[in-house]
Amino acid sequence: MPGPSLGSLAVIGGGVIGLSVAMQAARAGWSVRVHRTADPGASWVAGGMLAPHSEGWPGEDQQLRLGLRSLELWHDFLVRLPAEVVTARESLVVAADRADVADLRTVADWLTAQGHPVIWESAAGEVEPLLAAGIRHGFRAPTELAVDNRAVVTALVTACEELEVAWAGPVHDLAEVAADAVVIANGIDAPALWPGLAIRPVKGEVLRLRWRKGCLPVPQRVIRARVHGRQVYLVPRPDGVVVGATQYEHGRDTAPVVSGVRDLLDDACALVPALGEYELAECGAGLRPMTPDNLPLVRRLDERTYVAAGHGRNGFLLAPWTAEQVVSELLPVGVQ
């Protein structure tokens, strides 16, 4: 149960970021109300990868630091969630053809130079026997995790309710919000509440493939690669695999299109041919809240207003770090 209240906090947004902030703030002693819509948003259409090494690229040092710090925080975060939300431990990033080997080696060497070595493999098929013949090179990131995105959102809602977090409808004007502090955490809709926030929607299609009786088993680790220049990832779930994700700017359109679905299926089967026998259970698309420099906006906007948005592809990875940052910023206001 929450302790004595530090004050009232309104969190605008009911995705993984808003719920994480709400949970941590309630634990710290705030009286929290979450304003959310009926639309589950991008958090419902996600791979759930906690993968700072796999997402890394030379020059993106700050993104790597944030991701690694948040991955550390996830271990404490998971204590408060059901154990079954974790669906994979370790990532395997492979080169689908010879042209990609040099790029992959560059990333591995950069990570090692940063003090975060990964394990280079020249016989990736021995690590993951389901890989297509001919895929040999890659690296393993043993500390990375994957979580079931929908199970995490559901568990965060339950945790918030146990902490007596209240629920309310969406907000269209900050002047309507009666609270000592406000956190804008509604992703692509944040600029509507605070004009000037540099957040734009980037569409991404995601597929769910369901294991069928007689098929080869589900991979036990996340598998990532670039196929024909396109990034693709395979994330295990108890009943199958999540395949993602396309990335392009198309306004607020969230309808999966044939070309995007086709590319994902082709690329997934190029990596793991056995997936061709799985059931195509779901096609979806979400809108990632992207910023110009691909770094999230997590900061104070005025005396009572904070923003926690713009996490792009890394909303799940950065959720614990974001919650920690926001709550630490809130405390000085709450004790005044």
C-alpha atoms as a PDB file:
ATOM      1  CA  MET A   1       0.000   0.000   0.000  1.00  0.00           C
ATOM      2  CA  PRO A   2       1.210   3.560  -0.712  1.00  0.00           C
ATOM      3  CA  GLY A   3       2.476   5.699   2.149  1.00  0.00           C
ATOM      4  CA  PRO A   4       1.647   9.327   2.998  1.00  0.00           C
ATOM      5  CA  SER A   5       1.048  11.349  -0.162  1.00  0.00           C
ATOM      6  CA  LEU A   6       3.703  13.743  -1.451  1.00  0.00           C
ATOM      7  CA  GLY A   7       1.035  15.425  -3.562  1.00  0.00           C
ATOM      8  CA  SER A   8      -1.188  14.711  -6.537  1.00  0.00           C
ATOM      9  CA  LEU A   9       0.234  13.576  -9.862  1.00  0.00           C
ATOM     10  CA  ALA A  10      -1.580  13.267 -13.167  1.00  0.00           C
ATOM     11  CA  VAL A  11       0.064  10.976 -15.734  1.00  0.00           C
ATOM     12  CA  ILE A  12      -1.290  11.465 -19.243  1.00  0.00           C
ATOM     13  CA  GLY A  13      -0.877   8.232 -21.184  1.00  0.00           C
ATOM     14  CA  GLY A  14      -1.604   4.604 -20.387  1.00  0.00           C
ATOM     15  CA  GLY A  15       1.156   2.851 -22.341  1.00  0.00           C
ATOM     16  CA  VAL A  16       4.281   1.252 -20.925  1.00  0.00           C
ATOM     17  CA  ILE A  17       5.906   4.637 -20.197  1.00  0.00           C
ATOM     18  CA  GLY A  18       2.905   6.212 -18.484  1.00  0.00           C
ATOM     19  CA  LEU A  19       2.149   3.097 -16.444  1.00  0.00           C
ATOM     20  CA  SER A  20       5.783   2.707 -15.366  1.00  0.00           C
ATOM     21  CA  VAL A  21       5.937   6.321 -14.219  1.00  0.00           C
ATOM     22  CA  ALA A  22       2.621   5.933 -12.411  1.00  0.00           C
ATOM     23  CA  MET A  23       3.730   2.782 -10.597  1.00  0.00           C
ATOM     24  CA  GLN A  24       7.055   4.230  -9.466  1.00  0.00           C
ATOM     25  CA  ALA A  25       5.496   7.538  -8.410  1.00  0.00           C
ATOM     26  CA  ALA A  26       2.798   5.762  -6.401  1.00  0.00           C
ATOM     27  CA  ARG A  27       5.462   3.667  -4.699  1.00  0.00           C
ATOM     28  CA  ALA A  28       7.343   6.875  -3.851  1.00  0.00           C
ATOM     29  CA  GLY A  29       4.257   8.304  -2.146  1.00  0.00           C
ATOM     30  CA  TRP A  30       2.412  10.311  -4.772  1.00  0.00           C
ATOM     31  CA  SER A  31      -1.354  10.178  -5.186  1.00  0.00           C
ATOM     32  CA  VAL A  32      -1.508   9.220  -8.864  1.00  0.00           C
ATOM     33  CA  ARG A  33      -4.203   9.445 -11.517  1.00  0.00           C
ATOM     34  CA  VAL A  34      -3.595   8.057 -15.034  1.00  0.00           C
ATOM     35  CA  HIS A  35      -5.468   9.592 -17.939  1.00  0.00           C
ATOM     36  CA  ARG A  36      -5.765   7.043 -20.755  1.00  0.00           C
ATOM     37  CA  THR A  37      -7.776   6.240 -23.864  1.00  0.00           C
ATOM     38  CA  ALA A  38      -9.409   2.981 -24.909  1.00  0.00           C
ATOM     39  CA  ASP A  39      -6.758   2.566 -27.629  1.00  0.00           C
ATOM     40  CA  PRO A  40      -3.851   0.464 -26.263  1.00  0.00           C
ATOM     41  CA  GLY A  41      -1.465   2.315 -28.614  1.00  0.00           C
ATOM     42  CA  ALA A  42       2.055   1.386 -29.658  1.00  0.00           C
ATOM     43  CA  SER A  43       2.738  -0.571 -26.445  1.00  0.00           C
ATOM     44  CA  TRP A  44       0.304  -3.258 -27.611  1.00  0.00           C
ATOM     45  CA  VAL A  45       2.105  -3.639 -30.956  1.00  0.00           C
ATOM     46  CA  ALA A  46       5.715  -4.184 -29.925  1.00  0.00           C
ATOM     47  CA  GLY A  47       8.401  -6.835 -29.814  1.00  0.00           C
ATOM     48  CA  GLY A  48       9.286  -6.202 -26.178  1.00  0.00           C
ATOM     49  CA  MET A  49      13.056  -6.411 -26.730  1.00  0.00           C
ATOM     50  CA  LEU A  50      15.325  -5.120 -23.993  1.00  0.00           C
ATOM     51  CA  ALA A  51      18.289  -4.962 -26.311  1.00  0.00           C
ATOM     52  CA  PRO A  52      20.738  -2.041 -26.010  1.00  0.00           C
ATOM     53  CA  HIS A  53      23.613  -4.010 -27.591  1.00  0.00           C
ATOM     54  CA  SER A  54      21.557  -5.217 -30.541  1.00  0.00           C
ATOM     55  CA  GLU A  55      20.173  -1.723 -31.151  1.00  0.00           C
ATOM     56  CA  GLY A  56      23.608  -0.138 -30.905  1.00  0.00           C
ATOM     57  CA  TRP A  57      25.460   1.558 -33.722  1.00  0.00           C
ATOM     58  CA  PRO A  58      28.820   3.381 -33.724  1.00  0.00           C
ATOM     59  CA  GLY A  59      28.340   7.019 -32.814  1.00  0.00           C
ATOM     60  CA  GLU A  60      25.152   6.445 -30.839  1.00  0.00           C
ATOM     61  CA  ASP A  61      26.978   6.416 -27.525  1.00  0.00           C
ATOM     62  CA  GLN A  62      24.288   8.182 -25.516  1.00  0.00           C
ATOM     63  CA  GLN A  63      21.564   5.803 -26.670  1.00  0.00           C
ATOM     64  CA  LEU A  64      23.788   2.899 -25.641  1.00  0.00           C
ATOM     65  CA  ARG A  65      24.423   4.350 -22.189  1.00  0.00           C
ATOM     66  CA  LEU A  66      20.737   4.995 -21.548  1.00  0.00           C
ATOM     67  CA  GLY A  67      19.805   1.526 -22.766  1.00  0.00           C
ATOM     68  CA  LEU A  68      22.394  -0.247 -20.647  1.00  0.00           C
ATOM     69  CA  ARG A  69      21.404   1.708 -17.537  1.00  0.00           C
ATOM     70  CA  SER A  70      17.738   0.866 -18.091  1.00  0.00           C
ATOM     71  CA  LEU A  71      18.516  -2.808 -18.709  1.00  0.00           C
ATOM     72  CA  GLU A  72      20.158  -2.864 -15.265  1.00  0.00           C
ATOM     73  CA  LEU A  73      17.030  -1.297 -13.768  1.00  0.00           C
ATOM     74  CA  TRP A  74      14.827  -3.888 -15.439  1.00  0.00           C
ATOM     75  CA  HIS A  75      16.123  -6.575 -13.085  1.00  0.00           C
ATOM     76  CA  ASP A  76      14.611  -4.703 -10.119  1.00  0.00           C
ATOM     77  CA  PHE A  77      11.560  -3.859 -12.205  1.00  0.00           C
ATOM     78  CA  LEU A  78      10.934  -7.545 -12.921  1.00  0.00           C
ATOM     79  CA  VAL A  79      10.679  -8.320  -9.218  1.00  0.00           C
ATOM     80  CA  ARG A  80       7.359  -6.465  -9.310  1.00  0.00           C
ATOM     81  CA  LEU A  81       6.041  -8.306 -12.370  1.00  0.00           C
ATOM     82  CA  PRO A  82       5.098 -11.961 -12.963  1.00  0.00           C
ATOM     83  CA  ALA A  83       8.096 -14.106 -13.907  1.00  0.00           C
ATOM     84  CA  GLU A  84       6.399 -15.297 -17.096  1.00  0.00           C
ATOM     85  CA  VAL A  85       6.619 -11.848 -18.717  1.00  0.00           C
ATOM     86  CA  VAL A  86      10.211 -12.733 -19.706  1.00  0.00           C
ATOM     87  CA  THR A  87      10.104 -14.716 -22.950  1.00  0.00           C
ATOM     88  CA  ALA A  88      13.799 -14.826 -23.922  1.00  0.00           C
ATOM     89  CA  ARG A  89      17.215 -14.410 -22.360  1.00  0.00           C
ATOM     90  CA  GLU A  90      19.942 -13.538 -24.880  1.00  0.00           C
ATOM     91  CA  SER A  91      19.950 -12.085 -28.363  1.00  0.00           C
ATOM     92  CA  LEU A  92      21.692 -13.467 -31.440  1.00  0.00           C
ATOM     93  CA  VAL A  93      22.448 -10.906 -34.146  1.00  0.00           C
ATOM     94  CA  VAL A  94      23.461 -12.527 -37.423  1.00  0.00           C
ATOM     95  CA  ALA A  95      24.688 -11.544 -40.872  1.00  0.00           C
ATOM     96  CA  ALA A  96      22.234 -12.910 -43.414  1.00  0.00           C
ATOM     97  CA  ASP A  97      24.801 -12.624 -46.236  1.00  0.00           C
ATOM     98  CA  ARG A  98      28.505 -11.884 -46.693  1.00  0.00           C
ATOM     99  CA  ALA A  99      27.939  -8.195 -47.307  1.00  0.00           C
ATOM    100  CA  ASP A 100      26.588  -7.776 -43.775  1.00  0.00           C
ATOM    101  CA  VAL A 101      29.483  -9.481 -41.970  1.00  0.00           C
ATOM    102  CA  ALA A 102      31.714  -6.388 -42.019  1.00  0.00           C
ATOM    103  CA  ASP A 103      28.949  -4.141 -40.632  1.00  0.00           C
ATOM    104  CA  LEU A 104      28.180  -6.622 -37.887  1.00  0.00           C
ATOM    105  CA  ARG A 105      31.842  -6.908 -36.980  1.00  0.00           C
ATOM    106  CA  THR A 106      32.064  -3.104 -36.794  1.00  0.00           C
ATOM    107  CA  VAL A 107      29.207  -3.028 -34.272  1.00  0.00           C
ATOM    108  CA  ALA A 108      30.737  -5.850 -32.212  1.00  0.00           C
ATOM    109  CA  ASP A 109      34.134  -4.118 -32.126  1.00  0.00           C
ATOM    110  CA  TRP A 110      32.534  -0.794 -31.171  1.00  0.00           C
ATOM    111  CA  LEU A 111      30.621  -2.394 -28.300  1.00  0.00           C
ATOM    112  CA  THR A 112      33.803  -4.050 -27.056  1.00  0.00           C
ATOM    113  CA  ALA A 113      35.689  -0.746 -27.247  1.00  0.00           C
ATOM    114  CA  GLN A 114      32.915   0.840 -25.152  1.00  0.00           C
ATOM    115  CA  GLY A 115      33.553  -1.752 -22.465  1.00  0.00           C
ATOM    116  CA  HIS A 116      30.530  -3.882 -23.293  1.00  0.00           C
ATOM    117  CA  PRO A 117      31.868  -6.905 -25.152  1.00  0.00           C
ATOM    118  CA  VAL A 118      29.595  -9.290 -26.990  1.00  0.00           C
ATOM    119  CA  ILE A 119      30.444 -12.838 -28.037  1.00  0.00           C
ATOM    120  CA  TRP A 120      31.430 -13.213 -31.697  1.00  0.00           C
ATOM    121  CA  GLU A 121      30.275 -16.407 -33.376  1.00  0.00           C
ATOM    122  CA  SER A 122      31.555 -17.892 -36.634  1.00  0.00           C
ATOM    123  CA  ALA A 123      29.230 -20.892 -36.411  1.00  0.00           C
ATOM    124  CA  ALA A 124      25.908 -19.277 -35.567  1.00  0.00           C
ATOM    125  CA  GLY A 125      24.030 -22.388 -36.658  1.00  0.00           C
ATOM    126  CA  GLU A 126      25.519 -24.254 -33.720  1.00  0.00           C
ATOM    127  CA  VAL A 127      24.118 -21.628 -31.376  1.00  0.00           C
ATOM    128  CA  GLU A 128      20.697 -21.574 -33.044  1.00  0.00           C
ATOM    129  CA  PRO A 129      20.045 -24.722 -35.123  1.00  0.00           C
ATOM    130  CA  LEU A 130      16.856 -23.262 -36.623  1.00  0.00           C
ATOM    131  CA  LEU A 131      18.846 -20.710 -38.645  1.00  0.00           C
ATOM    132  CA  ALA A 132      18.941 -21.098 -42.402  1.00  0.00           C
ATOM    133  CA  ALA A 133      21.913 -22.954 -43.849  1.00  0.00           C
ATOM    134  CA  GLY A 134      24.654 -20.544 -44.827  1.00  0.00           C
ATOM    135  CA  ILE A 135      24.117 -18.085 -41.966  1.00  0.00           C
ATOM    136  CA  ARG A 136      27.396 -18.387 -40.091  1.00  0.00           C
ATOM    137  CA  HIS A 137      28.506 -15.104 -38.574  1.00  0.00           C
ATOM    138  CA  GLY A 138      27.018 -13.081 -35.765  1.00  0.00           C
ATOM    139  CA  PHE A 139      27.314 -12.107 -32.147  1.00  0.00           C
ATOM    140  CA  ARG A 140      25.515 -13.027 -28.959  1.00  0.00           C
ATOM    141  CA  ALA A 141      24.416 -10.496 -26.345  1.00  0.00           C
ATOM    142  CA  PRO A 142      23.864 -12.736 -23.298  1.00  0.00           C
ATOM    143  CA  THR A 143      22.505 -10.054 -20.947  1.00  0.00           C
ATOM    144  CA  GLU A 144      19.696  -8.917 -23.229  1.00  0.00           C
ATOM    145  CA  LEU A 145      16.107  -9.923 -22.528  1.00  0.00           C
ATOM    146  CA  ALA A 146      12.744  -9.964 -24.232  1.00  0.00           C
ATOM    147  CA  VAL A 147       9.405  -9.514 -22.502  1.00  0.00           C
ATOM    148  CA  ASP A 148       5.843 -10.158 -23.561  1.00  0.00           C
ATOM    149  CA  ASN A 149       4.721  -6.589 -24.197  1.00  0.00           C
ATOM    150  CA  ARG A 150       1.043  -7.251 -23.570  1.00  0.00           C
ATOM    151  CA  ALA A 151       1.716  -9.200 -20.395  1.00  0.00           C
ATOM    152  CA  VAL A 152       3.889  -6.342 -19.121  1.00  0.00           C
ATOM    153  CA  VAL A 153       1.196  -3.728 -19.792  1.00  0.00           C
ATOM    154  CA  THR A 154      -1.412  -5.899 -18.082  1.00  0.00           C
ATOM    155  CA  ALA A 155       0.883  -6.490 -15.085  1.00  0.00           C
ATOM    156  CA  LEU A 156       1.637  -2.774 -14.768  1.00  0.00           C
ATOM    157  CA  VAL A 157      -2.084  -2.000 -14.705  1.00  0.00           C
ATOM    158  CA  THR A 158      -2.530  -4.551 -11.902  1.00  0.00           C
ATOM    159  CA  ALA A 159       0.456  -3.135  -9.986  1.00  0.00           C
ATOM    160  CA  CYS A 160      -0.950   0.383 -10.309  1.00  0.00           C
ATOM    161  CA  GLU A 161      -4.339  -0.705  -9.031  1.00  0.00           C
ATOM    162  CA  GLU A 162      -2.718  -2.378  -6.020  1.00  0.00           C
ATOM    163  CA  LEU A 163      -1.041   0.975  -5.299  1.00  0.00           C
ATOM    164  CA  GLU A 164      -4.445   2.731  -5.522  1.00  0.00           C
ATOM    165  CA  VAL A 165      -3.663   4.563  -8.754  1.00  0.00           C
ATOM    166  CA  ALA A 166      -6.870   6.072 -10.152  1.00  0.00           C
ATOM    167  CA  TRP A 167      -7.997   5.994 -13.782  1.00  0.00           C
ATOM    168  CA  ALA A 168      -9.515   8.794 -15.843  1.00  0.00           C
ATOM    169  CA  GLY A 169     -10.282   9.639 -19.441  1.00  0.00           C
ATOM    170  CA  PRO A 170      -8.020  11.399 -21.964  1.00  0.00           C
ATOM    171  CA  VAL A 171      -6.883  14.997 -21.608  1.00  0.00           C
ATOM    172  CA  HIS A 172      -7.180  17.575 -24.387  1.00  0.00           C
ATOM    173  CA  ASP A 173      -5.991  20.665 -22.492  1.00  0.00           C
ATOM    174  CA  LEU A 174      -3.498  20.777 -19.622  1.00  0.00           C
ATOM    175  CA  ALA A 175      -5.484  23.621 -18.053  1.00  0.00           C
ATOM    176  CA  GLU A 176      -8.227  21.085 -17.337  1.00  0.00           C
ATOM    177  CA  VAL A 177      -5.927  18.914 -15.205  1.00  0.00           C
ATOM    178  CA  ALA A 178      -6.183  19.465 -11.468  1.00  0.00           C
ATOM    179  CA  ALA A 179      -2.956  18.099  -9.982  1.00  0.00           C
ATOM    180  CA  ASP A 180       0.206  19.315  -8.275  1.00  0.00           C
ATOM    181  CA  ALA A 181       2.319  17.801 -11.054  1.00  0.00           C
ATOM    182  CA  VAL A 182       1.605  16.516 -14.555  1.00  0.00           C
ATOM    183  CA  VAL A 183       3.587  14.069 -16.696  1.00  0.00           C
ATOM    184  CA  ILE A 184       2.898  14.065 -20.447  1.00  0.00           C
ATOM    185  CA  ALA A 185       3.511  10.458 -21.491  1.00  0.00           C
ATOM    186  CA  ASN A 186       1.108   9.953 -24.366  1.00  0.00           C
ATOM    187  CA  GLY A 187       3.596   9.288 -27.160  1.00  0.00           C
ATOM    188  CA  ILE A 188       2.742  10.748 -30.537  1.00  0.00           C
ATOM    189  CA  ASP A 189      -0.055  12.835 -29.011  1.00  0.00           C
ATOM    190  CA  ALA A 190       2.299  14.746 -26.706  1.00  0.00           C
ATOM    191  CA  PRO A 191       2.734  17.728 -29.105  1.00  0.00           C
ATOM    192  CA  ALA A 192      -1.024  18.326 -29.003  1.00  0.00           C
ATOM    193  CA  LEU A 193      -0.717  19.104 -25.297  1.00  0.00           C
ATOM    194  CA  TRP A 194       2.604  20.935 -25.497  1.00  0.00           C
ATOM    195  CA  PRO A 195       3.195  22.460 -28.958  1.00  0.00           C
ATOM    196  CA  GLY A 196       6.823  22.421 -29.995  1.00  0.00           C
ATOM    197  CA  LEU A 197       7.705  18.956 -28.748  1.00  0.00           C
ATOM    198  CA  ALA A 198       9.623  17.393 -31.650  1.00  0.00           C
ATOM    199  CA  ILE A 199       7.820  14.045 -31.768  1.00  0.00           C
ATOM    200  CA  ARG A 200       6.481  12.477 -34.948  1.00  0.00           C
ATOM    201  CA  PRO A 201       4.734   9.164 -35.699  1.00  0.00           C
ATOM    202  CA  VAL A 202       6.705   6.462 -37.524  1.00  0.00           C
ATOM    203  CA  LYS A 203       4.719   3.436 -38.629  1.00  0.00           C
ATOM    204  CA  GLY A 204       5.879  -0.085 -37.953  1.00  0.00           C
ATOM    205  CA  GLU A 205       4.159  -3.338 -38.902  1.00  0.00           C
ATOM    206  CA  VAL A 206       4.485  -6.354 -36.615  1.00  0.00           C
ATOM    207  CA  LEU A 207       3.348  -9.944 -37.169  1.00  0.00           C
ATOM    208  CA  ARG A 208       2.525 -12.739 -34.730  1.00  0.00           C
ATOM    209  CA  LEU A 209       3.205 -16.275 -35.884  1.00  0.00           C
ATOM    210  CA  ARG A 210       1.698 -19.105 -33.838  1.00  0.00           C
ATOM    211  CA  TRP A 211       3.355 -22.510 -33.434  1.00  0.00           C
ATOM    212  CA  ARG A 212       1.326 -25.434 -34.802  1.00  0.00           C
ATOM    213  CA  LYS A 213       1.492 -29.082 -33.891  1.00  0.00           C
ATOM    214  CA  GLY A 214       4.161 -30.812 -35.968  1.00  0.00           C
ATOM    215  CA  CYS A 215       6.218 -27.647 -36.522  1.00  0.00           C
ATOM    216  CA  LEU A 216       9.777 -27.191 -35.346  1.00  0.00           C
ATOM    217  CA  PRO A 217       9.975 -25.542 -31.911  1.00  0.00           C
ATOM    218  CA  VAL A 218       9.979 -21.827 -31.161  1.00  0.00           C
ATOM    219  CA  PRO A 219      13.478 -20.255 -30.990  1.00  0.00           C
ATOM    220  CA  GLN A 220      14.695 -19.755 -27.434  1.00  0.00           C
ATOM    221  CA  ARG A 221      16.458 -16.408 -27.991  1.00  0.00           C
ATOM    222  CA  VAL A 222      15.816 -13.221 -29.929  1.00  0.00           C
ATOM    223  CA  ILE A 223      17.197 -13.439 -33.481  1.00  0.00           C
ATOM    224  CA  ARG A 224      17.996 -10.250 -35.363  1.00  0.00           C
ATOM    225  CA  ALA A 225      19.441  -9.536 -38.787  1.00  0.00           C
ATOM    226  CA  ARG A 226      19.406  -7.299 -41.810  1.00  0.00           C
ATOM    227  CA  VAL A 227      17.910  -9.023 -44.857  1.00  0.00           C
ATOM    228  CA  HIS A 228      18.083  -7.259 -48.249  1.00  0.00           C
ATOM    229  CA  GLY A 229      18.912  -4.073 -46.353  1.00  0.00           C
ATOM    230  CA  ARG A 230      15.863  -4.401 -44.072  1.00  0.00           C
ATOM    231  CA  GLN A 231      16.062  -4.900 -40.330  1.00  0.00           C
ATOM    232  CA  VAL A 232      14.091  -7.877 -39.021  1.00  0.00           C
ATOM    233  CA  TYR A 233      13.732  -9.434 -35.588  1.00  0.00           C
ATOM    234  CA  LEU A 234      12.176 -12.636 -34.272  1.00  0.00           C
ATOM    235  CA  VAL A 235      11.085 -12.530 -30.629  1.00  0.00           C
ATOM    236  CA  PRO A 236       9.921 -15.709 -28.863  1.00  0.00           C
ATOM    237  CA  ARG A 237       6.542 -15.932 -27.179  1.00  0.00           C
ATOM    238  CA  PRO A 238       5.143 -18.957 -25.321  1.00  0.00           C
ATOM    239  CA  ASP A 239       2.938 -19.824 -28.304  1.00  0.00           C
ATOM    240  CA  GLY A 240       5.062 -18.608 -31.218  1.00  0.00           C
ATOM    241  CA  VAL A 241       7.116 -15.691 -32.507  1.00  0.00           C
ATOM    242  CA  VAL A 242       6.690 -11.938 -32.949  1.00  0.00           C
ATOM    243  CA  VAL A 243       8.183 -10.709 -36.234  1.00  0.00           C
ATOM    244  CA  GLY A 244       9.029  -7.069 -36.764  1.00  0.00           C
ATOM    245  CA  ALA A 245       9.267  -4.495 -37.852  1.00  0.00           C
ATOM    246  CA  THR A 246       8.920  -2.217 -40.828  1.00  0.00           C
ATOM    247  CA  GLN A 247       9.646   1.471 -40.389  1.00  0.00           C
ATOM    248  CA  TYR A 248       8.374   4.318 -42.516  1.00  0.00           C
ATOM    249  CA  GLU A 249       6.592   7.619 -42.180  1.00  0.00           C
ATOM    250  CA  HIS A 250       2.978   7.516 -43.265  1.00  0.00           C
ATOM    251  CA  GLY A 251       1.164   9.954 -41.016  1.00  0.00           C
ATOM    252  CA  ARG A 252      -1.192   8.238 -38.588  1.00  0.00           C
ATOM    253  CA  ASP A 253      -2.084   5.322 -40.797  1.00  0.00           C
ATOM    254  CA  THR A 254      -2.065   2.075 -38.790  1.00  0.00           C
ATOM    255  CA  ALA A 255      -3.404  -0.321 -41.414  1.00  0.00           C
ATOM    256  CA  PRO A 256      -0.970  -3.155 -42.241  1.00  0.00           C
ATOM    257  CA  VAL A 257      -0.174  -3.144 -45.967  1.00  0.00           C
ATOM    258  CA  VAL A 258       0.569  -6.095 -48.220  1.00  0.00           C
ATOM    259  CA  SER A 259       4.112  -5.015 -49.102  1.00  0.00           C
ATOM    260  CA  GLY A 260       5.141  -4.590 -45.477  1.00  0.00           C
ATOM    261  CA  VAL A 261       3.639  -7.906 -44.391  1.00  0.00           C
ATOM    262  CA  ARG A 262       5.195  -9.676 -47.384  1.00  0.00           C
ATOM    263  CA  ASP A 263       8.651  -8.301 -46.617  1.00  0.00           C
ATOM    264  CA  LEU A 264       8.433  -9.345 -42.970  1.00  0.00           C
ATOM    265  CA  LEU A 265       7.331 -12.878 -43.874  1.00  0.00           C
ATOM    266  CA  ASP A 266      10.012 -13.227 -46.555  1.00  0.00           C
ATOM    267  CA  ASP A 267      12.747 -11.949 -44.247  1.00  0.00           C
ATOM    268  CA  ALA A 268      11.624 -14.059 -41.278  1.00  0.00           C
ATOM    269  CA  CYS A 269      11.632 -17.225 -43.376  1.00  0.00           C
ATOM    270  CA  ALA A 270      15.005 -16.311 -44.879  1.00  0.00           C
ATOM    271  CA  LEU A 271      16.378 -16.398 -41.336  1.00  0.00           C
ATOM    272  CA  VAL A 272      14.396 -19.351 -39.973  1.00  0.00           C
ATOM    273  CA  PRO A 273      12.787 -21.367 -42.804  1.00  0.00           C
ATOM    274  CA  ALA A 274      10.733 -23.430 -40.349  1.00  0.00           C
ATOM    275  CA  LEU A 275       8.552 -20.390 -39.651  1.00  0.00           C
ATOM    276  CA  GLY A 276       6.895 -20.962 -43.015  1.00  0.00           C
ATOM    277  CA  GLU A 277       4.844 -23.718 -41.391  1.00  0.00           C
ATOM    278  CA  TYR A 278       3.604 -21.576 -38.508  1.00  0.00           C
ATOM    279  CA  GLU A 279       0.132 -19.996 -38.419  1.00  0.00           C
ATOM    280  CA  LEU A 280      -0.074 -16.319 -39.398  1.00  0.00           C
ATOM    281  CA  ALA A 281      -2.069 -15.319 -36.340  1.00  0.00           C
ATOM    282  CA  GLU A 282      -2.012 -11.518 -36.407  1.00  0.00           C
ATOM    283  CA  CYS A 283      -0.927  -8.545 -38.504  1.00  0.00           C
ATOM    284  CA  GLY A 284      -0.746  -5.193 -36.756  1.00  0.00           C
ATOM    285  CA  ALA A 285       0.867  -1.800 -36.998  1.00  0.00           C
ATOM    286  CA  GLY A 286       1.805   0.790 -34.415  1.00  0.00           C
ATOM    287  CA  LEU A 287       3.078   4.352 -34.440  1.00  0.00           C
ATOM    288  CA  ARG A 288       6.433   4.850 -32.770  1.00  0.00           C
ATOM    289  CA  PRO A 289       6.972   8.312 -31.225  1.00  0.00           C
ATOM    290  CA  MET A 290      10.279   9.346 -32.803  1.00  0.00           C
ATOM    291  CA  THR A 291      12.463  12.400 -32.188  1.00  0.00           C
ATOM    292  CA  PRO A 292      15.009  13.984 -34.561  1.00  0.00           C
ATOM    293  CA  ASP A 293      18.016  12.599 -32.649  1.00  0.00           C
ATOM    294  CA  ASN A 294      16.324   9.317 -31.630  1.00  0.00           C
ATOM    295  CA  LEU A 295      16.713  10.235 -27.945  1.00  0.00           C
ATOM    296  CA  PRO A 296      13.658  10.377 -25.665  1.00  0.00           C
ATOM    297  CA  LEU A 297      12.315  13.626 -24.251  1.00  0.00           C
ATOM    298  CA  VAL A 298      12.379  13.166 -20.473  1.00  0.00           C
ATOM    299  CA  ARG A 299      12.579  16.505 -18.710  1.00  0.00           C
ATOM    300  CA  ARG A 300      10.775  19.282 -16.884  1.00  0.00           C
ATOM    301  CA  LEU A 301       8.786  21.675 -19.104  1.00  0.00           C
ATOM    302  CA  ASP A 302       7.650  24.146 -16.438  1.00  0.00           C
ATOM    303  CA  GLU A 303       7.135  24.278 -12.683  1.00  0.00           C
ATOM    304  CA  ARG A 304       4.551  21.504 -12.621  1.00  0.00           C
ATOM    305  CA  THR A 305       4.791  19.830 -16.049  1.00  0.00           C
ATOM    306  CA  TYR A 306       7.129  17.091 -17.259  1.00  0.00           C
ATOM    307  CA  VAL A 307       7.424  15.213 -20.521  1.00  0.00           C
ATOM    308  CA  ALA A 308       8.276  11.520 -20.861  1.00  0.00           C
ATOM    309  CA  ALA A 309       7.778  10.723 -24.529  1.00  0.00           C
ATOM    310  CA  GLY A 310       9.585  10.205 -27.822  1.00  0.00           C
ATOM    311  CA  HIS A 311      11.097   6.796 -26.993  1.00  0.00           C
ATOM    312  CA  GLY A 312      10.879   5.531 -30.566  1.00  0.00           C
ATOM    313  CA  ARG A 313      11.725   1.825 -30.856  1.00  0.00           C
ATOM    314  CA  ASN A 314      12.869   1.593 -27.223  1.00  0.00           C
ATOM    315  CA  GLY A 315       9.813   2.304 -25.113  1.00  0.00           C
ATOM    316  CA  PHE A 316       9.943  -0.997 -23.264  1.00  0.00           C
ATOM    317  CA  LEU A 317      13.708  -0.935 -22.814  1.00  0.00           C
ATOM    318  CA  LEU A 318      13.728   2.606 -21.426  1.00  0.00           C
ATOM    319  CA  ALA A 319      10.610   2.399 -19.248  1.00  0.00           C
ATOM    320  CA  PRO A 320      12.413   1.798 -15.893  1.00  0.00           C
ATOM    321  CA  TRP A 321      15.011   4.499 -16.586  1.00  0.00           C
ATOM    322  CA  THR A 322      12.274   6.956 -17.558  1.00  0.00           C
ATOM    323  CA  ALA A 323      10.289   6.216 -14.413  1.00  0.00           C
ATOM    324  CA  GLU A 324      13.402   6.682 -12.275  1.00  0.00           C
ATOM    325  CA  GLN A 325      14.246  10.002 -13.948  1.00  0.00           C
ATOM    326  CA  VAL A 326      10.753  11.433 -13.644  1.00  0.00           C
ATOM    327  CA  VAL A 327      10.221  10.393 -10.036  1.00  0.00           C
ATOM    328  CA  SER A 328      13.622  11.773  -8.987  1.00  0.00           C
ATOM    329  CA  GLU A 329      12.702  15.084 -10.640  1.00  0.00           C
ATOM    330  CA  LEU A 330       9.302  15.119  -8.958  1.00  0.00           C
ATOM    331  CA  LEU A 331      10.586  14.686  -5.423  1.00  0.00           C
ATOM    332  CA  PRO A 332      11.957  18.224  -4.935  1.00  0.00           C
ATOM    333  CA  VAL A 333       8.586  19.669  -5.971  1.00  0.00           C
ATOM    334  CA  GLY A 334       6.673  17.286  -3.732  1.00  0.00           C
ATOM    335  CA  VAL A 335       8.590  18.149  -0.594  1.00  0.00           C
ATOM    336  CA  GLN A 336       8.347  21.923  -0.959  1.00  0.00           C
END
